[in-house]
PDB file of N, CA and C in Angstrom:
ATOM      1  N   UNK A   1       2.427   6.787 -11.699  1.00  0.00           N
ATOM      2  CA  UNK A   1       2.795   7.232 -12.684  1.00  0.00           C
ATOM      3  C   UNK A   1       4.236   7.202 -12.495  1.00  0.00           C
ATOM      4  N   UNK A   2       5.002   7.209 -13.670  1.00  0.00           N
ATOM      5  CA  UNK A   2       6.286   7.378 -13.706  1.00  0.00           C
ATOM      6  C   UNK A   2       6.844   8.214 -14.974  1.00  0.00           C
ATOM      7  N   UNK A   3       7.616   8.989 -14.608  1.00  0.00           N
ATOM      8  CA  UNK A   3       8.381   9.865 -15.771  1.00  0.00           C
ATOM      9  C   UNK A   3       9.745   9.246 -16.166  1.00  0.00           C
ATOM     10  N   UNK A   4       9.990   9.352 -17.274  1.00  0.00           N
ATOM     11  CA  UNK A   4      11.437   9.003 -17.773  1.00  0.00           C
ATOM     12  C   UNK A   4      11.888  10.025 -18.550  1.00  0.00           C
ATOM     13  N   UNK A   5      13.073  10.342 -18.356  1.00  0.00           N
ATOM     14  CA  UNK A   5      13.763  11.514 -18.912  1.00  0.00           C
ATOM     15  C   UNK A   5      15.171  10.936 -19.622  1.00  0.00           C
ATOM     16  N   UNK A   6      15.367  10.770 -20.956  1.00  0.00           N
ATOM     17  CA  UNK A   6      16.396  10.436 -21.481  1.00  0.00           C
ATOM     18  C   UNK A   6      17.414  11.645 -21.758  1.00  0.00           C
ATOM     19  N   UNK A   7      18.575  11.297 -21.930  1.00  0.00           N
ATOM     20  CA  UNK A   7      19.737  12.142 -22.418  1.00  0.00           C
ATOM     21  C   UNK A   7      20.837  11.415 -23.174  1.00  0.00           C
ATOM     22  N   UNK A   8      21.506  12.103 -23.836  1.00  0.00           N
ATOM     23  CA  UNK A   8      22.748  11.661 -24.164  1.00  0.00           C
ATOM     24  C   UNK A   8      22.942  11.327 -25.871  1.00  0.00           C
ATOM     25  N   UNK A   9      21.439  11.481 -26.504  1.00  0.00           N
ATOM     26  CA  UNK A   9      21.164  11.528 -27.817  1.00  0.00           C
ATOM     27  C   UNK A   9      22.186  12.660 -28.658  1.00  0.00           C
ATOM     28  N   UNK A  10      22.429  12.517 -29.787  1.00  0.00           N
ATOM     29  CA  UNK A  10      22.810  13.420 -30.618  1.00  0.00           C
ATOM     30  C   UNK A  10      23.467  12.990 -32.175  1.00  0.00           C
ATOM     31  N   UNK A  11      24.109  13.741 -32.760  1.00  0.00           N
ATOM     32  CA  UNK A  11      24.875  13.514 -34.150  1.00  0.00           C
ATOM     33  C   UNK A  11      26.052  12.837 -33.996  1.00  0.00           C
ATOM     34  N   UNK A  12      26.152  11.568 -34.664  1.00  0.00           N
ATOM     35  CA  UNK A  12      27.801  11.052 -34.617  1.00  0.00           C
ATOM     36  C   UNK A  12      27.860  10.277 -35.920  1.00  0.00           C
ATOM     37  N   UNK A  13      29.079  10.398 -36.315  1.00  0.00           N
ATOM     38  CA  UNK A  13      29.601   9.766 -37.634  1.00  0.00           C
ATOM     39  C   UNK A  13      29.485   8.142 -37.489  1.00  0.00           C
ATOM     40  N   UNK A  14      29.435   7.448 -38.528  1.00  0.00           N
ATOM     41  CA  UNK A  14      29.293   6.061 -38.462  1.00  0.00           C
ATOM     42  C   UNK A  14      30.575   5.478 -37.530  1.00  0.00           C
ATOM     43  N   UNK A  15      30.555   4.646 -37.026  1.00  0.00           N
ATOM     44  CA  UNK A  15      31.735   4.203 -36.096  1.00  0.00           C
ATOM     45  C   UNK A  15      31.900   4.859 -34.945  1.00  0.00           C
ATOM     46  N   UNK A  16      31.200   5.702 -34.561  1.00  0.00           N
ATOM     47  CA  UNK A  16      31.260   6.481 -33.190  1.00  0.00           C
ATOM     48  C   UNK A  16      30.717   5.864 -32.032  1.00  0.00           C
ATOM     49  N   UNK A  17      30.690   6.477 -31.107  1.00  0.00           N
ATOM     50  CA  UNK A  17      29.669   6.204 -29.980  1.00  0.00           C
ATOM     51  C   UNK A  17      29.098   7.247 -29.276  1.00  0.00           C
ATOM     52  N   UNK A  18      28.014   6.727 -28.588  1.00  0.00           N
ATOM     53  CA  UNK A  18      27.063   7.553 -27.734  1.00  0.00           C
ATOM     54  C   UNK A  18      26.571   6.534 -26.602  1.00  0.00           C
ATOM     55  N   UNK A  19      26.494   7.347 -25.556  1.00  0.00           N
ATOM     56  CA  UNK A  19      25.897   6.823 -24.275  1.00  0.00           C
ATOM     57  C   UNK A  19      24.658   7.546 -23.729  1.00  0.00           C
ATOM     58  N   UNK A  20      23.710   6.801 -23.771  1.00  0.00           N
ATOM     59  CA  UNK A  20      22.314   7.219 -23.429  1.00  0.00           C
ATOM     60  C   UNK A  20      22.016   7.166 -22.076  1.00  0.00           C
ATOM     61  N   UNK A  21      21.353   7.796 -21.251  1.00  0.00           N
ATOM     62  CA  UNK A  21      21.152   7.891 -19.921  1.00  0.00           C
ATOM     63  C   UNK A  21      19.675   8.169 -19.708  1.00  0.00           C
ATOM     64  N   UNK A  22      18.885   7.259 -18.632  1.00  0.00           N
ATOM     65  CA  UNK A  22      17.525   7.595 -18.345  1.00  0.00           C
ATOM     66  C   UNK A  22      17.235   7.577 -16.963  1.00  0.00           C
ATOM     67  N   UNK A  23      16.581   8.584 -16.476  1.00  0.00           N
ATOM     68  CA  UNK A  23      16.229   8.816 -15.094  1.00  0.00           C
ATOM     69  C   UNK A  23      14.764   8.528 -15.039  1.00  0.00           C
ATOM     70  N   UNK A  24      14.286   7.655 -14.291  1.00  0.00           N
ATOM     71  CA  UNK A  24      13.178   7.573 -13.856  1.00  0.00           C
ATOM     72  C   UNK A  24      12.660   7.975 -12.439  1.00  0.00           C
ATOM     73  N   UNK A  25      11.661   8.671 -12.425  1.00  0.00           N
ATOM     74  CA  UNK A  25      10.936   9.305 -11.047  1.00  0.00           C
ATOM     75  C   UNK A  25       9.431   9.169 -11.141  1.00  0.00           C
ATOM     76  N   UNK A  26       8.934   9.370 -10.138  1.00  0.00           N
ATOM     77  CA  UNK A  26       7.330   9.428  -9.814  1.00  0.00           C
ATOM     78  C   UNK A  26       6.945   8.387  -8.829  1.00  0.00           C
ATOM     79  N   UNK A  27       5.807   7.695  -9.030  1.00  0.00           N
ATOM     80  CA  UNK A  27       5.520   6.685  -8.036  1.00  0.00           C
ATOM     81  C   UNK A  27       6.042   5.355  -8.605  1.00  0.00           C
ATOM     82  N   UNK A  28       7.221   5.270  -7.692  1.00  0.00           N
ATOM     83  CA  UNK A  28       7.971   4.051  -7.905  1.00  0.00           C
ATOM     84  C   UNK A  28       8.231   3.407  -6.586  1.00  0.00           C
ATOM     85  N   UNK A  29       7.632   2.162  -6.590  1.00  0.00           N
ATOM     86  CA  UNK A  29       8.044   1.276  -5.400  1.00  0.00           C
ATOM     87  C   UNK A  29       9.158   0.052  -5.870  1.00  0.00           C
ATOM     88  N   UNK A  30       8.950  -0.382  -7.012  1.00  0.00           N
ATOM     89  CA  UNK A  30      10.031  -1.174  -7.332  1.00  0.00           C
ATOM     90  C   UNK A  30      10.031  -1.266  -9.078  1.00  0.00           C
ATOM     91  N   UNK A  31      11.155  -1.530  -9.503  1.00  0.00           N
ATOM     92  CA  UNK A  31      11.277  -1.471 -10.967  1.00  0.00           C
ATOM     93  C   UNK A  31      11.869  -2.785 -11.286  1.00  0.00           C
ATOM     94  N   UNK A  32      11.148  -3.549 -12.067  1.00  0.00           N
ATOM     95  CA  UNK A  32      11.430  -4.658 -12.449  1.00  0.00           C
ATOM     96  C   UNK A  32      12.445  -4.658 -13.817  1.00  0.00           C
ATOM     97  N   UNK A  33      11.804  -4.487 -14.994  1.00  0.00           N
ATOM     98  CA  UNK A  33      12.574  -4.445 -16.185  1.00  0.00           C
ATOM     99  C   UNK A  33      12.792  -2.986 -16.592  1.00  0.00           C
ATOM    100  N   UNK A  34      14.067  -2.805 -17.150  1.00  0.00           N
ATOM    101  CA  UNK A  34      14.227  -1.391 -17.749  1.00  0.00           C
ATOM    102  C   UNK A  34      14.868  -1.597 -18.963  1.00  0.00           C
ATOM    103  N   UNK A  35      14.691  -0.656 -20.205  1.00  0.00           N
ATOM    104  CA  UNK A  35      15.484  -0.712 -21.300  1.00  0.00           C
ATOM    105  C   UNK A  35      15.425   0.177 -22.160  1.00  0.00           C
ATOM    106  N   UNK A  36      15.539  -0.111 -23.579  1.00  0.00           N
ATOM    107  CA  UNK A  36      15.398   1.028 -24.447  1.00  0.00           C
ATOM    108  C   UNK A  36      14.891   0.349 -25.784  1.00  0.00           C
ATOM    109  N   UNK A  37      13.973   1.242 -26.150  1.00  0.00           N
ATOM    110  CA  UNK A  37      13.129   1.064 -27.577  1.00  0.00           C
ATOM    111  C   UNK A  37      13.616   2.203 -28.342  1.00  0.00           C
ATOM    112  N   UNK A  38      13.436   1.621 -29.944  1.00  0.00           N
ATOM    113  CA  UNK A  38      13.903   2.861 -31.041  1.00  0.00           C
ATOM    114  C   UNK A  38      12.893   2.641 -31.837  1.00  0.00           C
ATOM    115  N   UNK A  39      12.536   3.991 -32.499  1.00  0.00           N
ATOM    116  CA  UNK A  39      11.529   4.028 -33.705  1.00  0.00           C
ATOM    117  C   UNK A  39      12.292   5.120 -34.768  1.00  0.00           C
ATOM    118  N   UNK A  40      12.144   4.481 -35.993  1.00  0.00           N
ATOM    119  CA  UNK A  40      12.941   5.270 -36.902  1.00  0.00           C
ATOM    120  C   UNK A  40      11.627   5.686 -37.881  1.00  0.00           C
ATOM    121  N   UNK A  41      11.808   6.506 -38.808  1.00  0.00           N
ATOM    122  CA  UNK A  41      10.437   7.138 -39.488  1.00  0.00           C
ATOM    123  C   UNK A  41      10.199   5.897 -40.498  1.00  0.00           C
ATOM    124  N   UNK A  42       8.867   5.557 -40.552  1.00  0.00           N
ATOM    125  CA  UNK A  42       8.489   4.554 -41.458  1.00  0.00           C
ATOM    126  C   UNK A  42       8.796   3.073 -40.843  1.00  0.00           C
ATOM    127  N   UNK A  43       9.108   2.783 -39.634  1.00  0.00           N
ATOM    128  CA  UNK A  43       9.545   1.635 -39.252  1.00  0.00           C
ATOM    129  C   UNK A  43       8.567   1.536 -37.932  1.00  0.00           C
ATOM    130  N   UNK A  44       8.628   0.189 -37.428  1.00  0.00           N
ATOM    131  CA  UNK A  44       8.004  -0.085 -36.196  1.00  0.00           C
ATOM    132  C   UNK A  44       8.779   0.193 -35.067  1.00  0.00           C
ATOM    133  N   UNK A  45       8.278   0.353 -33.908  1.00  0.00           N
ATOM    134  CA  UNK A  45       9.233   0.545 -32.828  1.00  0.00           C
ATOM    135  C   UNK A  45       9.554  -0.889 -32.366  1.00  0.00           C
ATOM    136  N   UNK A  46      10.984  -0.854 -32.032  1.00  0.00           N
ATOM    137  CA  UNK A  46      11.624  -2.138 -31.705  1.00  0.00           C
ATOM    138  C   UNK A  46      12.306  -2.013 -30.418  1.00  0.00           C
ATOM    139  N   UNK A  47      12.524  -2.985 -29.796  1.00  0.00           N
ATOM    140  CA  UNK A  47      13.129  -3.305 -28.596  1.00  0.00           C
ATOM    141  C   UNK A  47      14.615  -3.356 -29.060  1.00  0.00           C
ATOM    142  N   UNK A  48      15.200  -2.685 -28.414  1.00  0.00           N
ATOM    143  CA  UNK A  48      16.705  -2.681 -28.498  1.00  0.00           C
ATOM    144  C   UNK A  48      17.537  -3.409 -27.328  1.00  0.00           C
ATOM    145  N   UNK A  49      17.063  -3.125 -26.405  1.00  0.00           N
ATOM    146  CA  UNK A  49      17.690  -3.835 -25.115  1.00  0.00           C
ATOM    147  C   UNK A  49      16.813  -3.957 -23.943  1.00  0.00           C
ATOM    148  N   UNK A  50      17.001  -4.925 -22.905  1.00  0.00           N
ATOM    149  CA  UNK A  50      16.307  -4.923 -21.692  1.00  0.00           C
ATOM    150  C   UNK A  50      17.176  -5.376 -20.656  1.00  0.00           C
ATOM    151  N   UNK A  51      17.139  -4.940 -19.347  1.00  0.00           N
ATOM    152  CA  UNK A  51      17.861  -5.459 -18.392  1.00  0.00           C
ATOM    153  C   UNK A  51      16.777  -5.659 -17.201  1.00  0.00           C
ATOM    154  N   UNK A  52      16.983  -6.679 -16.643  1.00  0.00           N
ATOM    155  CA  UNK A  52      16.024  -6.889 -15.318  1.00  0.00           C
ATOM    156  C   UNK A  52      16.866  -6.457 -14.117  1.00  0.00           C
ATOM    157  N   UNK A  53      16.097  -6.252 -12.792  1.00  0.00           N
ATOM    158  CA  UNK A  53      16.626  -5.807 -11.630  1.00  0.00           C
ATOM    159  C   UNK A  53      17.639  -6.641 -11.354  1.00  0.00           C
ATOM    160  N   UNK A  54      17.925  -7.754 -11.725  1.00  0.00           N
ATOM    161  CA  UNK A  54      19.083  -8.461 -11.458  1.00  0.00           C
ATOM    162  C   UNK A  54      20.268  -8.676 -12.258  1.00  0.00           C
ATOM    163  N   UNK A  55      20.063  -8.003 -13.359  1.00  0.00           N
ATOM    164  CA  UNK A  55      21.102  -7.776 -14.401  1.00  0.00           C
ATOM    165  C   UNK A  55      21.193  -8.555 -15.449  1.00  0.00           C
ATOM    166  N   UNK A  56      20.062  -9.305 -15.698  1.00  0.00           N
ATOM    167  CA  UNK A  56      20.008 -10.095 -16.991  1.00  0.00           C
ATOM    168  C   UNK A  56      19.546  -9.432 -17.950  1.00  0.00           C
ATOM    169  N   UNK A  57      20.281  -9.419 -19.278  1.00  0.00           N
ATOM    170  CA  UNK A  57      20.129  -8.736 -20.519  1.00  0.00           C
ATOM    171  C   UNK A  57      19.803  -9.356 -21.396  1.00  0.00           C
ATOM    172  N   UNK A  58      19.048  -8.526 -22.577  1.00  0.00           N
ATOM    173  CA  UNK A  58      18.453  -9.168 -23.744  1.00  0.00           C
ATOM    174  C   UNK A  58      18.798  -8.007 -24.537  1.00  0.00           C
ATOM    175  N   UNK A  59      19.187  -8.581 -25.897  1.00  0.00           N
ATOM    176  CA  UNK A  59      19.571  -7.440 -26.913  1.00  0.00           C
ATOM    177  C   UNK A  59      18.963  -7.903 -28.249  1.00  0.00           C
ATOM    178  N   UNK A  60      18.518  -6.675 -29.058  1.00  0.00           N
ATOM    179  CA  UNK A  60      17.908  -7.092 -30.374  1.00  0.00           C
ATOM    180  C   UNK A  60      19.100  -7.555 -31.256  1.00  0.00           C
ATOM    181  N   UNK A  61      18.933  -8.515 -32.132  1.00  0.00           N
ATOM    182  CA  UNK A  61      19.987  -9.157 -32.837  1.00  0.00           C
ATOM    183  C   UNK A  61      20.616  -7.961 -33.867  1.00  0.00           C
ATOM    184  N   UNK A  62      19.736  -6.911 -34.112  1.00  0.00           N
ATOM    185  CA  UNK A  62      20.516  -5.858 -34.999  1.00  0.00           C
ATOM    186  C   UNK A  62      21.520  -5.183 -34.223  1.00  0.00           C
ATOM    187  N   UNK A  63      21.564  -5.070 -33.057  1.00  0.00           N
ATOM    188  CA  UNK A  63      22.651  -4.271 -32.365  1.00  0.00           C
ATOM    189  C   UNK A  63      23.843  -5.233 -32.314  1.00  0.00           C
ATOM    190  N   UNK A  64      23.791  -6.460 -32.453  1.00  0.00           N
ATOM    191  CA  UNK A  64      25.057  -7.532 -32.161  1.00  0.00           C
ATOM    192  C   UNK A  64      25.525  -7.194 -30.720  1.00  0.00           C
ATOM    193  N   UNK A  65      27.019  -7.221 -31.020  1.00  0.00           N
ATOM    194  CA  UNK A  65      27.453  -6.880 -29.691  1.00  0.00           C
ATOM    195  C   UNK A  65      28.077  -5.612 -29.600  1.00  0.00           C
ATOM    196  N   UNK A  66      27.386  -4.714 -30.119  1.00  0.00           N
ATOM    197  CA  UNK A  66      27.859  -3.330 -30.162  1.00  0.00           C
ATOM    198  C   UNK A  66      27.312  -2.382 -28.937  1.00  0.00           C
ATOM    199  N   UNK A  67      26.316  -2.911 -28.587  1.00  0.00           N
ATOM    200  CA  UNK A  67      25.319  -1.998 -27.536  1.00  0.00           C
ATOM    201  C   UNK A  67      25.567  -2.887 -26.088  1.00  0.00           C
ATOM    202  N   UNK A  68      25.711  -1.854 -25.070  1.00  0.00           N
ATOM    203  CA  UNK A  68      25.740  -2.498 -23.637  1.00  0.00           C
ATOM    204  C   UNK A  68      24.534  -1.659 -22.833  1.00  0.00           C
ATOM    205  N   UNK A  69      23.708  -2.450 -22.307  1.00  0.00           N
ATOM    206  CA  UNK A  69      22.706  -1.954 -21.376  1.00  0.00           C
ATOM    207  C   UNK A  69      23.235  -2.208 -19.966  1.00  0.00           C
ATOM    208  N   UNK A  70      23.073  -1.160 -19.097  1.00  0.00           N
ATOM    209  CA  UNK A  70      23.381  -1.251 -17.631  1.00  0.00           C
ATOM    210  C   UNK A  70      22.272  -0.537 -16.780  1.00  0.00           C
ATOM    211  N   UNK A  71      22.318  -0.662 -15.450  1.00  0.00           N
ATOM    212  CA  UNK A  71      21.359   0.030 -14.612  1.00  0.00           C
ATOM    213  C   UNK A  71      22.043   0.299 -13.351  1.00  0.00           C
ATOM    214  N   UNK A  72      21.421   1.450 -12.563  1.00  0.00           N
ATOM    215  CA  UNK A  72      21.712   1.466 -11.473  1.00  0.00           C
ATOM    216  C   UNK A  72      20.513   1.693 -10.542  1.00  0.00           C
ATOM    217  N   UNK A  73      20.109   0.528  -9.918  1.00  0.00           N
ATOM    218  CA  UNK A  73      18.943   0.458  -9.101  1.00  0.00           C
ATOM    219  C   UNK A  73      18.747   1.246  -8.016  1.00  0.00           C
ATOM    220  N   UNK A  74      19.800   1.727  -7.557  1.00  0.00           N
ATOM    221  CA  UNK A  74      19.576   2.805  -6.368  1.00  0.00           C
ATOM    222  C   UNK A  74      19.292   4.168  -6.823  1.00  0.00           C
ATOM    223  N   UNK A  75      19.501   4.597  -8.043  1.00  0.00           N
ATOM    224  CA  UNK A  75      19.241   6.022  -8.765  1.00  0.00           C
ATOM    225  C   UNK A  75      18.213   5.648  -9.526  1.00  0.00           C
ATOM    226  N   UNK A  76      17.660   4.573  -9.924  1.00  0.00           N
ATOM    227  CA  UNK A  76      16.698   4.235 -10.598  1.00  0.00           C
ATOM    228  C   UNK A  76      17.052   4.803 -11.998  1.00  0.00           C
ATOM    229  N   UNK A  77      18.155   4.398 -12.531  1.00  0.00           N
ATOM    230  CA  UNK A  77      18.650   4.970 -13.773  1.00  0.00           C
ATOM    231  C   UNK A  77      18.673   3.560 -14.828  1.00  0.00           C
ATOM    232  N   UNK A  78      18.864   3.944 -16.033  1.00  0.00           N
ATOM    233  CA  UNK A  78      19.230   2.959 -16.817  1.00  0.00           C
ATOM    234  C   UNK A  78      20.259   3.666 -18.099  1.00  0.00           C
ATOM    235  N   UNK A  79      21.160   2.884 -18.541  1.00  0.00           N
ATOM    236  CA  UNK A  79      21.951   3.327 -19.768  1.00  0.00           C
ATOM    237  C   UNK A  79      22.315   2.559 -20.808  1.00  0.00           C
ATOM    238  N   UNK A  80      22.643   3.058 -21.749  1.00  0.00           N
ATOM    239  CA  UNK A  80      22.933   2.374 -22.998  1.00  0.00           C
ATOM    240  C   UNK A  80      24.000   2.914 -23.894  1.00  0.00           C
ATOM    241  N   UNK A  81      25.062   2.079 -23.626  1.00  0.00           N
ATOM    242  CA  UNK A  81      26.345   2.585 -24.454  1.00  0.00           C
ATOM    243  C   UNK A  81      26.397   2.022 -25.616  1.00  0.00           C
ATOM    244  N   UNK A  82      26.436   2.741 -26.600  1.00  0.00           N
ATOM    245  CA  UNK A  82      26.400   2.566 -28.050  1.00  0.00           C
ATOM    246  C   UNK A  82      27.855   2.496 -28.910  1.00  0.00           C
ATOM    247  N   UNK A  83      28.099   1.635 -29.149  1.00  0.00           N
ATOM    248  CA  UNK A  83      29.521   1.747 -30.284  1.00  0.00           C
ATOM    249  C   UNK A  83      29.498   1.200 -31.408  1.00  0.00           C
ATOM    250  N   UNK A  84      30.337   1.491 -32.333  1.00  0.00           N
ATOM    251  CA  UNK A  84      30.333   1.264 -33.575  1.00  0.00           C
ATOM    252  C   UNK A  84      29.006   1.550 -34.171  1.00  0.00           C
ATOM    253  N   UNK A  85      28.571   2.456 -34.157  1.00  0.00           N
ATOM    254  CA  UNK A  85      27.250   2.979 -34.476  1.00  0.00           C
ATOM    255  C   UNK A  85      27.163   3.161 -35.884  1.00  0.00           C
ATOM    256  N   UNK A  86      26.178   2.496 -36.591  1.00  0.00           N
ATOM    257  CA  UNK A  86      25.782   2.331 -38.044  1.00  0.00           C
ATOM    258  C   UNK A  86      24.689   3.559 -38.372  1.00  0.00           C
ATOM    259  N   UNK A  87      24.530   4.108 -39.564  1.00  0.00           N
ATOM    260  CA  UNK A  87      23.430   4.896 -40.061  1.00  0.00           C
ATOM    261  C   UNK A  87      22.193   4.331 -39.851  1.00  0.00           C
ATOM    262  N   UNK A  88      22.060   2.847 -39.878  1.00  0.00           N
ATOM    263  CA  UNK A  88      20.883   2.019 -39.534  1.00  0.00           C
ATOM    264  C   UNK A  88      20.267   2.249 -38.081  1.00  0.00           C
ATOM    265  N   UNK A  89      21.187   2.674 -37.404  1.00  0.00           N
ATOM    266  CA  UNK A  89      20.781   2.944 -35.778  1.00  0.00           C
ATOM    267  C   UNK A  89      20.047   4.286 -35.535  1.00  0.00           C
ATOM    268  N   UNK A  90      20.024   5.072 -36.720  1.00  0.00           N
ATOM    269  CA  UNK A  90      19.497   6.407 -36.407  1.00  0.00           C
ATOM    270  C   UNK A  90      17.967   6.153 -36.115  1.00  0.00           C
ATOM    271  N   UNK A  91      17.572   6.653 -35.157  1.00  0.00           N
ATOM    272  CA  UNK A  91      16.211   6.677 -34.680  1.00  0.00           C
ATOM    273  C   UNK A  91      16.088   7.483 -33.338  1.00  0.00           C
ATOM    274  N   UNK A  92      14.786   7.614 -32.795  1.00  0.00           N
ATOM    275  CA  UNK A  92      14.363   8.346 -31.771  1.00  0.00           C
ATOM    276  C   UNK A  92      14.451   6.964 -30.551  1.00  0.00           C
ATOM    277  N   UNK A  93      15.162   7.270 -29.676  1.00  0.00           N
ATOM    278  CA  UNK A  93      15.561   6.158 -28.661  1.00  0.00           C
ATOM    279  C   UNK A  93      14.641   6.739 -27.438  1.00  0.00           C
ATOM    280  N   UNK A  94      13.770   5.557 -26.782  1.00  0.00           N
ATOM    281  CA  UNK A  94      12.880   5.871 -25.974  1.00  0.00           C
ATOM    282  C   UNK A  94      13.266   4.912 -24.581  1.00  0.00           C
ATOM    283  N   UNK A  95      13.506   5.523 -23.674  1.00  0.00           N
ATOM    284  CA  UNK A  95      13.714   4.775 -22.364  1.00  0.00           C
ATOM    285  C   UNK A  95      12.306   3.964 -21.980  1.00  0.00           C
ATOM    286  N   UNK A  96      12.446   2.687 -21.552  1.00  0.00           N
ATOM    287  CA  UNK A  96      11.211   1.938 -21.004  1.00  0.00           C
ATOM    288  C   UNK A  96      11.497   1.365 -19.534  1.00  0.00           C
ATOM    289  N   UNK A  97      10.461   1.197 -18.864  1.00  0.00           N
ATOM    290  CA  UNK A  97      10.534   0.679 -17.414  1.00  0.00           C
ATOM    291  C   UNK A  97       9.164   0.041 -17.404  1.00  0.00           C
ATOM    292  N   UNK A  98       9.446  -0.970 -16.721  1.00  0.00           N
ATOM    293  CA  UNK A  98       8.077  -1.892 -16.078  1.00  0.00           C
ATOM    294  C   UNK A  98       8.038  -1.885 -14.634  1.00  0.00           C
ATOM    295  N   UNK A  99       6.886  -1.273 -14.281  1.00  0.00           N
ATOM    296  CA  UNK A  99       6.774  -1.375 -12.902  1.00  0.00           C
ATOM    297  C   UNK A  99       5.317  -2.051 -12.703  1.00  0.00           C
ATOM    298  N   UNK A 100       4.735  -2.133 -11.406  1.00  0.00           N
ATOM    299  CA  UNK A 100       3.804  -2.696 -11.224  1.00  0.00           C
ATOM    300  C   UNK A 100       2.316  -2.104 -12.019  1.00  0.00           C
ATOM    301  N   UNK A 101       2.305  -0.768 -12.120  1.00  0.00           N
ATOM    302  CA  UNK A 101       1.444  -0.005 -12.725  1.00  0.00           C
ATOM    303  C   UNK A 101       1.055  -0.297 -14.180  1.00  0.00           C
ATOM    304  N   UNK A 102       2.290  -0.548 -14.807  1.00  0.00           N
ATOM    305  CA  UNK A 102       2.409  -0.618 -16.154  1.00  0.00           C
ATOM    306  C   UNK A 102       3.425  -0.507 -16.689  1.00  0.00           C
ATOM    307  N   UNK A 103       3.366  -0.376 -17.981  1.00  0.00           N
ATOM    308  CA  UNK A 103       4.776  -0.083 -18.823  1.00  0.00           C
ATOM    309  C   UNK A 103       4.669   1.377 -19.164  1.00  0.00           C
ATOM    310  N   UNK A 104       6.040   1.945 -18.957  1.00  0.00           N
ATOM    311  CA  UNK A 104       6.205   3.386 -19.401  1.00  0.00           C
ATOM    312  C   UNK A 104       7.300   3.779 -20.494  1.00  0.00           C
ATOM    313  N   UNK A 105       7.065   4.798 -21.071  1.00  0.00           N
ATOM    314  CA  UNK A 105       8.184   5.140 -22.164  1.00  0.00           C
ATOM    315  C   UNK A 105       8.405   6.540 -22.060  1.00  0.00           C
ATOM    316  N   UNK A 106       9.670   7.006 -22.206  1.00  0.00           N
ATOM    317  CA  UNK A 106      10.117   8.399 -22.081  1.00  0.00           C
ATOM    318  C   UNK A 106       9.621   9.249 -23.425  1.00  0.00           C
ATOM    319  N   UNK A 107       9.873  10.284 -23.605  1.00  0.00           N
ATOM    320  CA  UNK A 107       9.778  10.980 -24.817  1.00  0.00           C
ATOM    321  C   UNK A 107      10.616  10.696 -25.822  1.00  0.00           C
ATOM    322  N   UNK A 108      11.839  10.264 -25.545  1.00  0.00           N
ATOM    323  CA  UNK A 108      12.796   9.993 -26.324  1.00  0.00           C
ATOM    324  C   UNK A 108      13.804  10.870 -26.843  1.00  0.00           C
ATOM    325  N   UNK A 109      15.051  10.260 -27.195  1.00  0.00           N
ATOM    326  CA  UNK A 109      16.325  11.265 -27.462  1.00  0.00           C
ATOM    327  C   UNK A 109      16.520  10.876 -28.744  1.00  0.00           C
ATOM    328  N   UNK A 110      17.002  11.823 -29.824  1.00  0.00           N
ATOM    329  CA  UNK A 110      17.149  11.560 -31.222  1.00  0.00           C
ATOM    330  C   UNK A 110      18.653  11.051 -31.286  1.00  0.00           C
ATOM    331  N   UNK A 111      18.859  10.070 -32.173  1.00  0.00           N
ATOM    332  CA  UNK A 111      20.277   9.465 -32.414  1.00  0.00           C
ATOM    333  C   UNK A 111      20.374   9.446 -33.852  1.00  0.00           C
ATOM    334  N   UNK A 112      21.424  10.132 -34.243  1.00  0.00           N
ATOM    335  CA  UNK A 112      21.547  10.508 -35.782  1.00  0.00           C
ATOM    336  C   UNK A 112      22.834  10.193 -36.137  1.00  0.00           C
ATOM    337  N   UNK A 113      23.038   8.977 -37.128  1.00  0.00           N
ATOM    338  CA  UNK A 113      24.305   8.683 -37.463  1.00  0.00           C
ATOM    339  C   UNK A 113      24.498   8.570 -38.870  1.00  0.00           C
ATOM    340  N   UNK A 114      25.557   9.517 -38.882  1.00  0.00           N
ATOM    341  CA  UNK A 114      25.677  10.153 -40.498  1.00  0.00           C
ATOM    342  C   UNK A 114      27.063   9.264 -41.021  1.00  0.00           C
ATOM    343  N   UNK A 115      27.056   9.187 -42.376  1.00  0.00           N
ATOM    344  CA  UNK A 115      28.333   8.351 -43.002  1.00  0.00           C
ATOM    345  C   UNK A 115      29.410   9.113 -42.875  1.00  0.00           C
TER     346      UNK A 115
END
């Protein structure tokens, strides 16, 4: 079992920035992929960004070049730097990790972008 705890969400005006952090703990022998999903009311959960242990990244088209995902393997942490935020980015952001035992998501942190 793995626990994921996110932090860094909040309320920000359009064009602003936020940095999300996620700490993984529990039964972890190795973490392959880490990433971030988000879900807005009435919408499907979507993958925002993924990063492999080796640092290969993948982003949703919707975030363009505005978001940057990074990780610290030694600390079992993953981050999401979000710049040029838009109201459409408003959602609950969930940390994600892939380990041998399966896939895990955190409780989420609310990101609200106002006009």
